[in-house]
Amino acid sequence: MVGLLVLFNWALEPAIAAQAVLALHADMTFLFVCERQPRAEVERQSEAFLKQNGFRVLNLADIQHRHGFRFMESHLVALDRDQRMVEIMSVPSGKELYSFALYSMPPTEHSTAFEGDALRLASGALGCEKRQIDRHENGPERRPFFESEIRRVERLFEQADRLNGERRL
């Protein structure tokens, strides 16, 4: 039995190592708790903040809710011209707990000003409590995975446009 475990471990080791290379870390993540703000207000102010900073914003949860699905309570995804991506999410069982994640093209170059502005949005304008702020780095080997994520999110924008009957040039 131990021999089989060693054999499986040896056989799976290259696959596990390859997955570790493909993992993409957010440049900055944090959690925030908004007990005084309704979800709609958190989304409205977050969307306005992202648009003021040059992002296109898609409210995936709103689309899902309109079609009878409630995978996420809130789920904003945003892209800018520099191919930075932001995701703001909350799950139905944690309506007051949100996560914020910022990703940029590897290798990571932190956008200190934008990161600070995002933290101030949560604690200032929204009046929420920030928790678990983390910063990470991605090396150049993670660039293909990041590019595939950007393509995935761009397709989400295209699908949303079709659902809404809109066309962007």
C-alpha atoms as a PDB file:
ATOM      1  CA  MET A   1       0.000   0.000   0.000  1.00  0.00           C
ATOM      2  CA  VAL A   2       2.800   2.432   0.893  1.00  0.00           C
ATOM      3  CA  GLY A   3       4.470   1.548  -2.396  1.00  0.00           C
ATOM      4  CA  LEU A   4       1.343   2.590  -4.294  1.00  0.00           C
ATOM      5  CA  LEU A   5       1.211   5.911  -2.430  1.00  0.00           C
ATOM      6  CA  VAL A   6       4.860   6.596  -3.261  1.00  0.00           C
ATOM      7  CA  LEU A   7       4.244   5.643  -6.907  1.00  0.00           C
ATOM      8  CA  PHE A   8       1.179   7.921  -7.182  1.00  0.00           C
ATOM      9  CA  ASN A   9       3.030  10.756  -5.477  1.00  0.00           C
ATOM     10  CA  TRP A  10       5.985  10.351  -7.851  1.00  0.00           C
ATOM     11  CA  ALA A  11       3.661  10.198 -10.877  1.00  0.00           C
ATOM     12  CA  LEU A  12       1.651  13.260  -9.826  1.00  0.00           C
ATOM     13  CA  GLU A  13       4.596  15.425  -8.761  1.00  0.00           C
ATOM     14  CA  PRO A  14       5.208  17.007 -12.228  1.00  0.00           C
ATOM     15  CA  ALA A  15       1.487  17.816 -12.600  1.00  0.00           C
ATOM     16  CA  ILE A  16       1.379  19.395  -9.151  1.00  0.00           C
ATOM     17  CA  ALA A  17       4.493  21.445  -9.929  1.00  0.00           C
ATOM     18  CA  ALA A  18       2.991  22.609 -13.257  1.00  0.00           C
ATOM     19  CA  GLN A  19      -0.198  23.744 -11.514  1.00  0.00           C
ATOM     20  CA  ALA A  20       1.832  25.744  -9.004  1.00  0.00           C
ATOM     21  CA  VAL A  21       3.402  27.690 -11.889  1.00  0.00           C
ATOM     22  CA  LEU A  22      -0.042  28.378 -13.370  1.00  0.00           C
ATOM     23  CA  ALA A  23      -1.514  29.762 -10.156  1.00  0.00           C
ATOM     24  CA  LEU A  24      -2.150  33.467 -10.448  1.00  0.00           C
ATOM     25  CA  HIS A  25      -1.913  35.609  -7.346  1.00  0.00           C
ATOM     26  CA  ALA A  26      -3.664  38.923  -6.951  1.00  0.00           C
ATOM     27  CA  ASP A  27      -1.334  41.912  -6.650  1.00  0.00           C
ATOM     28  CA  MET A  28      -3.429  42.972  -3.677  1.00  0.00           C
ATOM     29  CA  THR A  29      -6.393  41.407  -1.946  1.00  0.00           C
ATOM     30  CA  PHE A  30      -8.386  42.434   1.060  1.00  0.00           C
ATOM     31  CA  LEU A  31     -11.634  41.665   2.768  1.00  0.00           C
ATOM     32  CA  PHE A  32     -14.013  44.329   3.963  1.00  0.00           C
ATOM     33  CA  VAL A  33     -17.136  44.155   6.106  1.00  0.00           C
ATOM     34  CA  CYS A  34     -19.938  46.623   5.379  1.00  0.00           C
ATOM     35  CA  GLU A  35     -22.542  46.362   8.109  1.00  0.00           C
ATOM     36  CA  ARG A  36     -23.995  49.866   7.547  1.00  0.00           C
ATOM     37  CA  GLN A  37     -24.230  49.848   3.744  1.00  0.00           C
ATOM     38  CA  PRO A  38     -26.775  47.860   1.722  1.00  0.00           C
ATOM     39  CA  ARG A  39     -25.343  45.679  -1.048  1.00  0.00           C
ATOM     40  CA  ALA A  40     -26.712  47.944  -3.785  1.00  0.00           C
ATOM     41  CA  GLU A  41     -24.862  50.946  -2.329  1.00  0.00           C
ATOM     42  CA  VAL A  42     -21.582  49.019  -1.999  1.00  0.00           C
ATOM     43  CA  GLU A  43     -21.903  47.975  -5.633  1.00  0.00           C
ATOM     44  CA  ARG A  44     -22.894  51.474  -6.823  1.00  0.00           C
ATOM     45  CA  GLN A  45     -19.979  53.206  -5.098  1.00  0.00           C
ATOM     46  CA  SER A  46     -17.508  50.470  -6.070  1.00  0.00           C
ATOM     47  CA  GLU A  47     -18.599  50.669  -9.700  1.00  0.00           C
ATOM     48  CA  ALA A  48     -18.331  54.479  -9.695  1.00  0.00           C
ATOM     49  CA  PHE A  49     -14.846  54.276  -8.145  1.00  0.00           C
ATOM     50  CA  LEU A  50     -13.677  51.782 -10.771  1.00  0.00           C
ATOM     51  CA  LYS A  51     -15.106  53.829 -13.654  1.00  0.00           C
ATOM     52  CA  GLN A  52     -13.437  57.002 -12.303  1.00  0.00           C
ATOM     53  CA  ASN A  53     -10.167  55.062 -12.439  1.00  0.00           C
ATOM     54  CA  GLY A  54     -10.613  54.084 -16.105  1.00  0.00           C
ATOM     55  CA  PHE A  55     -12.134  50.621 -15.722  1.00  0.00           C
ATOM     56  CA  ARG A  56     -14.983  49.065 -17.671  1.00  0.00           C
ATOM     57  CA  VAL A  57     -17.224  47.399 -15.097  1.00  0.00           C
ATOM     58  CA  LEU A  58     -19.507  44.400 -15.410  1.00  0.00           C
ATOM     59  CA  ASN A  59     -21.929  43.464 -12.634  1.00  0.00           C
ATOM     60  CA  LEU A  60     -22.101  39.695 -13.110  1.00  0.00           C
ATOM     61  CA  ALA A  61     -24.247  39.104 -10.034  1.00  0.00           C
ATOM     62  CA  ASP A  62     -26.876  41.543 -11.303  1.00  0.00           C
ATOM     63  CA  ILE A  63     -27.096  39.640 -14.592  1.00  0.00           C
ATOM     64  CA  GLN A  64     -27.319  36.321 -12.752  1.00  0.00           C
ATOM     65  CA  HIS A  65     -29.997  37.640 -10.377  1.00  0.00           C
ATOM     66  CA  ARG A  66     -32.096  38.879 -13.320  1.00  0.00           C
ATOM     67  CA  HIS A  67     -31.957  35.336 -14.751  1.00  0.00           C
ATOM     68  CA  GLY A  68     -32.875  33.600 -11.484  1.00  0.00           C
ATOM     69  CA  PHE A  69     -29.396  32.526 -10.311  1.00  0.00           C
ATOM     70  CA  ARG A  70     -27.769  33.511  -7.012  1.00  0.00           C
ATOM     71  CA  PHE A  71     -24.228  32.131  -7.166  1.00  0.00           C
ATOM     72  CA  MET A  72     -22.833  35.349  -5.718  1.00  0.00           C
ATOM     73  CA  GLU A  73     -24.571  38.103  -3.810  1.00  0.00           C
ATOM     74  CA  SER A  74     -22.211  40.636  -5.434  1.00  0.00           C
ATOM     75  CA  HIS A  75     -19.717  40.090  -8.239  1.00  0.00           C
ATOM     76  CA  LEU A  76     -18.190  43.030 -10.052  1.00  0.00           C
ATOM     77  CA  VAL A  77     -15.431  42.410 -12.565  1.00  0.00           C
ATOM     78  CA  ALA A  78     -13.537  45.279 -14.175  1.00  0.00           C
ATOM     79  CA  LEU A  79     -10.806  45.762 -16.794  1.00  0.00           C
ATOM     80  CA  ASP A  80      -8.781  48.821 -17.767  1.00  0.00           C
ATOM     81  CA  ARG A  81      -6.585  49.746 -20.749  1.00  0.00           C
ATOM     82  CA  ASP A  82      -3.451  48.632 -18.901  1.00  0.00           C
ATOM     83  CA  GLN A  83      -5.008  45.168 -18.589  1.00  0.00           C
ATOM     84  CA  ARG A  84      -5.489  45.424 -14.875  1.00  0.00           C
ATOM     85  CA  MET A  85      -8.399  43.433 -13.570  1.00  0.00           C
ATOM     86  CA  VAL A  86     -10.425  43.929 -10.399  1.00  0.00           C
ATOM     87  CA  GLU A  87     -12.953  41.562  -8.851  1.00  0.00           C
ATOM     88  CA  ILE A  88     -15.220  42.494  -5.963  1.00  0.00           C
ATOM     89  CA  MET A  89     -17.344  39.646  -4.615  1.00  0.00           C
ATOM     90  CA  SER A  90     -19.583  38.525  -1.791  1.00  0.00           C
ATOM     91  CA  VAL A  91     -21.414  35.235  -1.358  1.00  0.00           C
ATOM     92  CA  PRO A  92     -25.098  34.936  -0.335  1.00  0.00           C
ATOM     93  CA  SER A  93     -24.239  33.585   3.119  1.00  0.00           C
ATOM     94  CA  GLY A  94     -21.859  36.474   3.830  1.00  0.00           C
ATOM     95  CA  LYS A  95     -23.794  39.484   2.588  1.00  0.00           C
ATOM     96  CA  GLU A  96     -21.780  41.948   4.629  1.00  0.00           C
ATOM     97  CA  LEU A  97     -18.354  40.425   3.804  1.00  0.00           C
ATOM     98  CA  TYR A  98     -16.752  41.398   0.491  1.00  0.00           C
ATOM     99  CA  SER A  99     -13.460  40.537  -1.148  1.00  0.00           C
ATOM    100  CA  PHE A 100     -11.436  42.864  -3.367  1.00  0.00           C
ATOM    101  CA  ALA A 101      -8.731  41.534  -5.703  1.00  0.00           C
ATOM    102  CA  LEU A 102      -6.496  43.478  -8.103  1.00  0.00           C
ATOM    103  CA  TYR A 103      -4.506  41.676 -10.823  1.00  0.00           C
ATOM    104  CA  SER A 104      -2.007  43.128 -13.287  1.00  0.00           C
ATOM    105  CA  MET A 105       0.048  41.754 -16.161  1.00  0.00           C
ATOM    106  CA  PRO A 106       2.964  39.682 -14.825  1.00  0.00           C
ATOM    107  CA  PRO A 107       5.600  40.355 -13.797  1.00  0.00           C
ATOM    108  CA  THR A 108       3.849  42.253 -11.042  1.00  0.00           C
ATOM    109  CA  GLU A 109       4.352  45.994 -10.806  1.00  0.00           C
ATOM    110  CA  HIS A 110       2.270  47.200  -7.890  1.00  0.00           C
ATOM    111  CA  SER A 111       0.046  50.207  -8.533  1.00  0.00           C
ATOM    112  CA  THR A 112       0.609  51.753  -5.117  1.00  0.00           C
ATOM    113  CA  ALA A 113      -1.641  54.770  -5.723  1.00  0.00           C
ATOM    114  CA  PHE A 114      -4.579  52.697  -6.981  1.00  0.00           C
ATOM    115  CA  GLU A 115      -4.136  50.128  -4.206  1.00  0.00           C
ATOM    116  CA  GLY A 116      -4.229  52.923  -1.623  1.00  0.00           C
ATOM    117  CA  ASP A 117      -7.309  54.458  -3.257  1.00  0.00           C
ATOM    118  CA  ALA A 118      -9.105  51.079  -3.170  1.00  0.00           C
ATOM    119  CA  LEU A 119      -8.337  50.674   0.528  1.00  0.00           C
ATOM    120  CA  ARG A 120      -9.594  54.210   1.179  1.00  0.00           C
ATOM    121  CA  LEU A 121     -12.799  53.480  -0.757  1.00  0.00           C
ATOM    122  CA  ALA A 122     -13.584  50.588   1.578  1.00  0.00           C
ATOM    123  CA  SER A 123     -12.817  52.368   4.840  1.00  0.00           C
ATOM    124  CA  GLY A 124     -13.694  55.938   3.824  1.00  0.00           C
ATOM    125  CA  ALA A 125     -16.518  56.322   1.315  1.00  0.00           C
ATOM    126  CA  LEU A 126     -18.141  52.987   2.164  1.00  0.00           C
ATOM    127  CA  GLY A 127     -17.423  53.163   5.902  1.00  0.00           C
ATOM    128  CA  CYS A 128     -16.468  49.491   6.009  1.00  0.00           C
ATOM    129  CA  GLU A 129     -13.963  47.613   8.139  1.00  0.00           C
ATOM    130  CA  LYS A 130     -10.904  46.329   6.220  1.00  0.00           C
ATOM    131  CA  ARG A 131      -9.452  42.919   7.041  1.00  0.00           C
ATOM    132  CA  GLN A 132      -6.661  40.647   5.809  1.00  0.00           C
ATOM    133  CA  ILE A 133      -4.781  42.890   3.396  1.00  0.00           C
ATOM    134  CA  ASP A 134      -2.306  40.836   1.339  1.00  0.00           C
ATOM    135  CA  ARG A 135       0.075  41.703  -1.483  1.00  0.00           C
ATOM    136  CA  HIS A 136       1.609  39.146  -3.821  1.00  0.00           C
ATOM    137  CA  GLU A 137       3.952  38.903  -6.778  1.00  0.00           C
ATOM    138  CA  ASN A 138       3.625  37.035 -10.074  1.00  0.00           C
ATOM    139  CA  GLY A 139       6.680  36.261 -12.140  1.00  0.00           C
ATOM    140  CA  PRO A 140       6.816  36.364 -15.954  1.00  0.00           C
ATOM    141  CA  GLU A 141       6.096  32.611 -16.124  1.00  0.00           C
ATOM    142  CA  ARG A 142       2.501  33.364 -15.083  1.00  0.00           C
ATOM    143  CA  ARG A 143       1.840  35.755 -17.967  1.00  0.00           C
ATOM    144  CA  PRO A 144       0.108  33.158 -20.230  1.00  0.00           C
ATOM    145  CA  PHE A 145      -2.319  32.284 -17.447  1.00  0.00           C
ATOM    146  CA  PHE A 146      -3.046  35.976 -16.829  1.00  0.00           C
ATOM    147  CA  GLU A 147      -3.637  36.553 -20.556  1.00  0.00           C
ATOM    148  CA  SER A 148      -6.124  33.667 -20.603  1.00  0.00           C
ATOM    149  CA  GLU A 149      -7.960  35.244 -17.644  1.00  0.00           C
ATOM    150  CA  ILE A 150      -8.148  38.578 -19.476  1.00  0.00           C
ATOM    151  CA  ARG A 151      -9.604  36.812 -22.544  1.00  0.00           C
ATOM    152  CA  ARG A 152     -12.137  35.021 -20.309  1.00  0.00           C
ATOM    153  CA  VAL A 153     -13.282  38.306 -18.755  1.00  0.00           C
ATOM    154  CA  GLU A 154     -13.439  40.061 -22.140  1.00  0.00           C
ATOM    155  CA  ARG A 155     -15.735  37.239 -23.320  1.00  0.00           C
ATOM    156  CA  LEU A 156     -17.925  37.876 -20.256  1.00  0.00           C
ATOM    157  CA  PHE A 157     -18.278  41.514 -21.339  1.00  0.00           C
ATOM    158  CA  GLU A 158     -19.208  40.371 -24.866  1.00  0.00           C
ATOM    159  CA  GLN A 159     -21.778  37.894 -23.562  1.00  0.00           C
ATOM    160  CA  ALA A 160     -23.288  40.527 -21.273  1.00  0.00           C
ATOM    161  CA  ASP A 161     -23.573  42.917 -24.211  1.00  0.00           C
ATOM    162  CA  ARG A 162     -25.457  40.253 -26.191  1.00  0.00           C
ATOM    163  CA  LEU A 163     -27.755  39.534 -23.245  1.00  0.00           C
ATOM    164  CA  ASN A 164     -28.471  43.226 -22.848  1.00  0.00           C
ATOM    165  CA  GLY A 165     -28.897  43.725 -26.613  1.00  0.00           C
ATOM    166  CA  GLU A 166     -26.048  46.230 -26.708  1.00  0.00           C
ATOM    167  CA  ARG A 167     -23.157  46.463 -29.121  1.00  0.00           C
ATOM    168  CA  ARG A 168     -19.831  48.073 -28.275  1.00  0.00           C
ATOM    169  CA  LEU A 169     -17.501  49.261 -31.007  1.00  0.00           C
END
